[in-house]
Protein backbone atom coordinates (compact mmCIF):
# COMPACT_ATOMS: atom_id res chain seq x y z
CA MET A 1 -20.00 10.36 12.74
CA ASN A 2 -16.88 12.54 12.78
CA ILE A 3 -14.07 10.51 11.20
CA LYS A 4 -10.97 12.03 9.69
CA TYR A 5 -10.13 10.09 6.57
CA LEU A 6 -6.67 9.51 5.16
CA PHE A 7 -5.53 11.38 2.07
CA PHE A 8 -3.70 9.38 -0.54
CA PRO A 9 0.02 10.24 -0.28
CA LYS A 10 1.46 12.15 -3.19
CA ILE A 11 3.87 9.64 -4.71
CA ASN A 12 5.44 10.15 -8.11
CA PRO A 13 4.57 6.99 -10.09
CA ILE A 14 7.91 7.39 -11.90
CA ALA A 15 10.65 5.86 -9.77
CA ILE A 16 13.67 6.61 -11.95
CA THR A 17 14.30 8.64 -15.09
CA ILE A 18 17.29 7.65 -17.21
CA GLY A 19 17.70 10.09 -20.07
CA LYS A 20 14.31 10.12 -21.79
CA ILE A 21 13.25 6.78 -20.33
CA ASP A 22 10.87 6.77 -17.36
CA ILE A 23 10.89 3.70 -15.14
CA TYR A 24 7.65 3.44 -13.19
CA TRP A 25 7.36 2.02 -9.69
CA TYR A 26 4.92 -0.61 -10.94
CA SER A 27 7.44 -1.89 -13.49
CA LEU A 28 10.20 -1.71 -10.92
CA MET A 29 8.15 -3.94 -8.61
CA TYR A 30 8.12 -6.62 -11.30
CA VAL A 31 11.90 -6.38 -11.67
CA ILE A 32 12.49 -6.53 -7.92
CA SER A 33 10.15 -9.50 -7.61
CA PHE A 34 11.89 -11.39 -10.39
CA LEU A 35 15.37 -10.77 -8.99
CA PHE A 36 14.28 -11.78 -5.50
CA ILE A 37 12.50 -14.94 -6.62
CA ILE A 38 15.25 -16.22 -8.89
CA ASN A 39 17.95 -15.62 -6.27
CA ILE A 40 15.96 -17.10 -3.39
CA SER A 41 15.19 -20.13 -5.55
CA LYS A 42 18.92 -20.72 -5.92
CA LEU A 43 19.67 -20.27 -2.22
CA LYS A 44 16.74 -22.14 -0.70
CA PHE A 45 15.58 -24.72 -3.19
CA TYR A 46 18.33 -25.38 -5.70
CA HIS A 47 20.42 -27.62 -3.45
CA SER A 48 17.43 -29.85 -2.69
CA SER A 49 16.64 -30.46 -6.37
CA ASN A 50 18.29 -32.43 -9.13
CA TRP A 51 18.25 -29.49 -11.55
CA THR A 52 21.19 -27.65 -12.95
CA ASN A 53 21.58 -23.93 -12.34
CA LYS A 54 20.88 -23.26 -16.01
CA GLU A 55 17.62 -25.22 -15.90
CA ASN A 56 16.60 -23.30 -12.82
CA GLU A 57 17.24 -19.93 -14.48
CA ASN A 58 15.50 -20.94 -17.72
CA LEU A 59 12.43 -21.99 -15.75
CA PHE A 60 12.07 -18.60 -14.12
CA TYR A 61 12.99 -16.51 -17.17
CA LEU A 62 10.41 -18.30 -19.31
CA SER A 63 7.79 -18.29 -16.56
CA PHE A 64 8.25 -14.53 -16.15
CA ILE A 65 7.67 -14.01 -19.87
CA GLY A 66 4.58 -16.22 -19.72
CA LEU A 67 3.35 -14.23 -16.72
CA LEU A 68 3.70 -10.88 -18.50
CA LEU A 69 2.13 -11.98 -21.77
CA GLY A 70 -0.61 -13.95 -20.05
CA GLY A 71 -1.33 -11.10 -17.67
CA ARG A 72 -1.79 -8.63 -20.51
CA ILE A 73 -3.86 -10.96 -22.70
CA GLY A 74 -5.91 -12.02 -19.68
CA TYR A 75 -6.71 -8.41 -18.83
CA ILE A 76 -7.91 -7.79 -22.38
CA LEU A 77 -10.05 -10.95 -22.50
CA PHE A 78 -11.44 -10.88 -18.97
CA TYR A 79 -11.74 -7.18 -18.22
CA ASN A 80 -11.63 -5.04 -21.37
CA LEU A 81 -12.55 -7.09 -24.43
CA LYS A 82 -14.86 -4.46 -25.96
CA TYR A 83 -12.11 -1.83 -25.87
CA PHE A 84 -9.64 -4.28 -27.41
CA LEU A 85 -12.00 -5.12 -30.27
CA ILE A 86 -12.21 -1.40 -31.09
CA ASN A 87 -8.49 -0.77 -30.45
CA PRO A 88 -6.59 -4.04 -31.04
CA ILE A 89 -3.26 -2.20 -30.84
CA SER A 90 -3.97 -1.72 -27.12
CA LEU A 91 -2.76 -5.30 -26.54
CA ILE A 92 0.87 -4.18 -26.76
CA LYS A 93 0.42 -0.86 -24.98
CA PHE A 94 1.71 -2.03 -21.60
CA LYS A 95 2.29 1.57 -20.55
CA GLU A 96 -1.48 2.14 -20.46
CA GLY A 97 -1.73 -0.41 -17.66
CA GLY A 98 -3.95 -3.40 -17.26
CA MET A 99 -2.69 -6.77 -16.06
CA SER A 100 -4.69 -9.76 -14.87
CA PHE A 101 -3.26 -12.12 -12.27
CA HIS A 102 -5.44 -14.98 -13.50
CA GLY A 103 -4.28 -14.39 -17.07
CA GLY A 104 -0.68 -14.30 -15.89
CA LEU A 105 -1.23 -17.55 -14.02
CA ILE A 106 -2.57 -19.26 -17.13
CA GLY A 107 0.35 -17.93 -19.18
CA ALA A 108 2.88 -19.19 -16.63
CA ILE A 109 1.18 -22.60 -16.42
CA LEU A 110 1.35 -23.04 -20.19
CA VAL A 111 5.04 -22.13 -20.19
CA ILE A 112 5.83 -24.46 -17.28
CA PHE A 113 3.91 -27.31 -18.91
CA THR A 114 5.89 -26.84 -22.13
CA TYR A 115 9.10 -26.62 -20.11
CA SER A 116 8.26 -29.88 -18.30
CA ILE A 117 7.93 -31.70 -21.62
CA PHE A 118 11.12 -30.23 -23.08
CA TYR A 119 13.26 -30.95 -20.01
CA LYS A 120 11.44 -34.20 -19.15
CA LYS A 121 10.44 -33.00 -15.68
CA LYS A 122 7.27 -33.64 -13.72
CA PHE A 123 4.91 -30.71 -14.21
CA LEU A 124 3.75 -30.72 -10.57
CA GLU A 125 7.33 -30.94 -9.38
CA LEU A 126 7.99 -27.66 -11.18
CA THR A 127 4.85 -25.93 -9.89
CA ASP A 128 5.56 -27.15 -6.34
CA PHE A 129 9.01 -25.59 -6.73
CA ILE A 130 7.66 -22.21 -7.85
CA THR A 131 4.45 -21.64 -5.87
CA PRO A 132 6.03 -20.84 -2.46
CA LEU A 133 7.79 -17.88 -4.09
CA ILE A 134 4.84 -16.39 -5.96
CA PRO A 135 3.35 -14.43 -3.00
CA PHE A 136 6.39 -12.15 -2.88
CA GLY A 137 5.68 -11.02 -6.43
CA LEU A 138 1.97 -10.65 -5.66
CA GLY A 139 2.72 -8.46 -2.66
CA MET A 140 5.13 -6.25 -4.57
CA GLY A 141 2.60 -5.90 -7.37
CA ARG A 142 -0.03 -4.65 -4.91
CA ILE A 143 2.41 -2.06 -3.60
CA GLY A 144 2.83 -0.93 -7.20
CA ASN A 145 -0.96 -0.70 -7.55
CA PHE A 146 -1.11 1.46 -4.41
CA ILE A 147 1.63 3.80 -5.60
CA ASN A 148 -0.24 4.19 -8.89
CA GLY A 149 -3.41 5.02 -6.96
CA GLU A 150 -5.35 2.30 -8.78
CA LEU A 151 -7.48 -0.73 -7.87
CA TRP A 152 -8.85 1.12 -4.85
CA GLY A 153 -11.54 -0.34 -2.60
CA ARG A 154 -15.25 0.18 -2.19
CA VAL A 155 -16.75 3.24 -0.52
CA THR A 156 -16.82 3.16 3.28
CA ILE A 157 -17.43 5.85 5.88
CA SER A 158 -17.09 3.77 9.05
CA ILE A 159 -13.35 3.10 9.33
CA PRO A 160 -10.64 5.63 10.25
CA TRP A 161 -8.16 4.18 7.73
CA ALA A 162 -10.50 4.81 4.79
CA MET A 163 -8.57 6.67 2.12
CA LEU A 164 -9.38 9.40 -0.39
CA PHE A 165 -7.95 8.39 -3.78
CA PRO A 166 -7.71 11.30 -6.25
CA ASN A 167 -8.01 8.95 -9.25
CA SER A 168 -11.36 7.54 -8.11
CA THR A 169 -13.43 10.59 -9.14
CA GLN A 170 -15.23 8.86 -12.04
CA SER A 171 -16.17 5.90 -9.85
CA ASP A 172 -17.23 8.30 -7.09
CA LEU A 173 -19.62 10.13 -9.42
CA ILE A 174 -21.18 6.85 -10.55
CA TYR A 175 -21.60 5.82 -6.91
CA ILE A 176 -23.24 9.12 -6.01
CA GLN A 177 -25.89 8.60 -8.69
CA ASN A 178 -27.28 5.72 -6.64
CA HIS A 179 -26.39 7.10 -3.21
CA LYS A 180 -27.45 10.75 -3.14
CA ASN A 181 -26.65 11.08 0.57
CA PHE A 182 -22.93 10.93 -0.28
CA ILE A 183 -22.99 14.14 -2.34
CA ASN A 184 -22.06 16.38 0.60
CA LEU A 185 -19.19 14.08 1.55
CA PHE A 186 -17.88 14.22 -2.01
CA ILE A 187 -18.14 18.01 -2.08
CA LYS A 188 -16.31 18.26 1.24
CA TYR A 189 -13.35 16.05 0.36
CA GLY A 190 -13.34 16.01 -3.44
CA ASN A 191 -13.47 12.20 -3.36
CA LEU A 192 -15.29 9.49 -1.45
CA PRO A 193 -13.46 7.54 1.31
CA ARG A 194 -12.63 3.99 0.23
CA HIS A 195 -11.03 0.84 1.55
CA PRO A 196 -7.29 0.79 0.72
CA SER A 197 -7.83 -2.66 -0.75
CA GLN A 198 -4.37 -2.74 -2.33
CA ILE A 199 -2.92 -2.84 1.20
CA TYR A 200 -5.35 -5.59 2.19
CA GLU A 201 -4.22 -7.62 -0.82
CA PHE A 202 -0.57 -6.93 -0.05
CA PHE A 203 -1.07 -8.34 3.43
CA LEU A 204 -3.24 -11.33 2.48
CA GLU A 205 -1.88 -12.36 -0.93
CA GLY A 206 1.67 -11.30 -0.14
CA ILE A 207 2.52 -11.86 3.52
CA VAL A 208 -0.11 -14.35 4.75
CA LEU A 209 0.04 -16.53 1.64
CA PHE A 210 3.85 -16.49 1.67
CA ILE A 211 3.87 -17.75 5.28
CA ILE A 212 1.28 -20.47 4.60
CA LEU A 213 3.04 -21.83 1.52
CA ASN A 214 6.55 -21.76 2.93
CA ILE A 215 5.56 -23.46 6.17
CA ASN A 216 3.92 -26.20 4.11
CA TYR A 217 6.90 -26.41 1.74
CA SER A 218 9.25 -27.30 4.56
CA LYS A 219 6.86 -29.79 6.17
CA ASN A 220 5.19 -31.59 3.30
CA LYS A 221 6.85 -33.15 0.26
CA LEU A 222 3.79 -34.78 -1.33
CA LEU A 223 3.81 -34.18 -5.08
CA GLY A 224 1.22 -31.54 -5.99
CA TYR A 225 0.58 -30.53 -2.37
CA ASN A 226 2.18 -27.09 -2.57
CA THR A 227 0.48 -26.37 -5.88
CA SER A 228 -2.94 -27.33 -4.52
CA MET A 229 -2.40 -25.23 -1.39
CA PHE A 230 -1.50 -22.21 -3.53
CA LEU A 231 -4.59 -22.55 -5.71
CA LEU A 232 -6.84 -23.14 -2.71
CA PHE A 233 -5.61 -20.37 -0.44
CA TYR A 234 -5.02 -17.74 -3.11
CA GLY A 235 -8.51 -18.37 -4.45
CA MET A 236 -10.10 -18.04 -1.00
CA LEU A 237 -8.11 -14.96 -0.03
CA ARG A 238 -8.85 -13.25 -3.36
CA ILE A 239 -12.57 -14.03 -3.10
CA PHE A 240 -12.60 -12.56 0.40
CA VAL A 241 -10.68 -9.37 -0.41
CA GLU A 242 -12.86 -8.73 -3.48
CA PHE A 243 -15.68 -7.84 -1.06
CA PHE A 244 -13.66 -4.73 -0.20
CA ARG A 245 -12.36 -3.92 -3.69
CA GLU A 246 -14.17 -1.76 -6.22
CA PRO A 247 -14.90 -3.75 -9.40
CA ASP A 248 -13.51 -2.46 -12.68
CA ILE A 249 -15.63 0.44 -13.84
CA GLN A 250 -16.21 -1.03 -17.32
CA LEU A 251 -17.55 -4.28 -15.81
CA GLY A 252 -19.18 -3.49 -12.48
CA PHE A 253 -20.88 -6.29 -10.58
CA PHE A 254 -22.32 -9.52 -11.93
CA TYR A 255 -25.72 -10.32 -10.41
CA ASN A 256 -25.32 -7.19 -8.25
CA TYR A 257 -22.78 -8.78 -5.89
CA ILE A 258 -20.13 -10.85 -7.67
CA THR A 259 -16.99 -9.42 -9.25
CA MET A 260 -14.90 -10.75 -12.13
CA GLY A 261 -12.05 -11.40 -9.70
CA GLN A 262 -14.31 -13.71 -7.70
CA ILE A 263 -15.62 -15.48 -10.80
CA LEU A 264 -12.04 -16.23 -11.87
CA SER A 265 -11.02 -17.31 -8.36
CA PHE A 266 -13.81 -19.83 -7.69
CA PRO A 267 -12.32 -22.37 -10.15
CA MET A 268 -8.97 -22.03 -8.36
CA VAL A 269 -10.56 -23.08 -5.07
CA PHE A 270 -12.40 -25.98 -6.72
CA ILE A 271 -9.32 -27.25 -8.57
CA GLY A 272 -7.18 -26.72 -5.46
CA LEU A 273 -9.51 -28.89 -3.35
CA ILE A 274 -9.50 -31.69 -5.92
CA MET A 275 -5.72 -31.56 -6.25
CA LEU A 276 -5.28 -31.53 -2.48
CA TYR A 277 -7.42 -34.66 -2.17
CA TYR A 278 -5.39 -36.44 -4.85
CA ALA A 279 -2.08 -35.27 -3.39
CA ILE A 280 -2.92 -36.65 0.05
CA TYR A 281 -5.05 -39.72 -0.65
CA LYS A 282 -4.48 -40.82 -4.23
CA LYS A 283 -0.88 -39.71 -4.70
CA PHE A 284 0.23 -38.11 -7.94
CA ASN A 285 2.77 -40.17 -9.89
C-alpha cells in the first residue's frame, strides 16, 4: 500500500498579538461564534418573539458565561479529575486548554433555567430559541481544535486524507507498543497517520447539524421540538464521530471500545427521544 499522507499544516496558534497579549485562534473562534450567534438571533428570531432586545442580549451573554465555566469544570470532572485533585489551581488555567462540550452544555442549561425563572419565560421556549444557533459555535470550535493540532483521530493507513499530526507523538508511541508493525511507519514519517477527526466534527456537528436544526426551526413550532432534535442529533453524530477520534490519553477506552465522549452522549440521545415523543404526542405546556 503506497499512500502519501497529508502533513499537518504549520499554523501559528496565535492569531493576533497586541502588545504583550497573545490572542489564540481557539479563543478567537469563541469570540467569532458569540458575535455571530447574538447578531443572527436579533436578525432572524427577535422579530418573531415577544422579548425585548435587552432580554435577548442578556440571555446570550449569560449563556456564554455558563458555557465557558461549565466547559472548564466539565473537562476537569469528566476528563482530568486526578490531575485537578493534585493541582486544583488548574481549574482557572484556561490557557492550558481543556474544555468539555457536555460540561458547557450543562452550564448553559443551568443558566438558562435560572434565566427562565427570573424573567418568567418558558424554559423550553428559551432552549428552542437557542439550539438552532449552537452548531455554528460547535463548528468554529472544531476549527480551533484543528489549528491547535489537538483532538486528532485514530490511527489509519487506508485513506489518502489521513494526516500526520506533530503533537500526537506520545499517543503514537503508546499505540506502537501494542502494534509493533507500525514502528517502521513511525520512523519514516515521525508520526502515525490519523483521521483528521476535527474536520469530521466540523462537518457533522457544525454544518450538518446546523442545516437539520434550522430546517426544523422554520417548519415546526411545537414547544420543545427543536431542543429535542438538538439533543437527539448531536448525541448521535457525536457517538458516530467518536469511532474515528482518539480518546484522551489519560482516559483511553472504557471496556476496550467506548470513549468518554460516547458515554456522555448516550444520555443526550435518550433524553432527546423522550422529549421528542412528548413534544409531538403529549405536548409540553
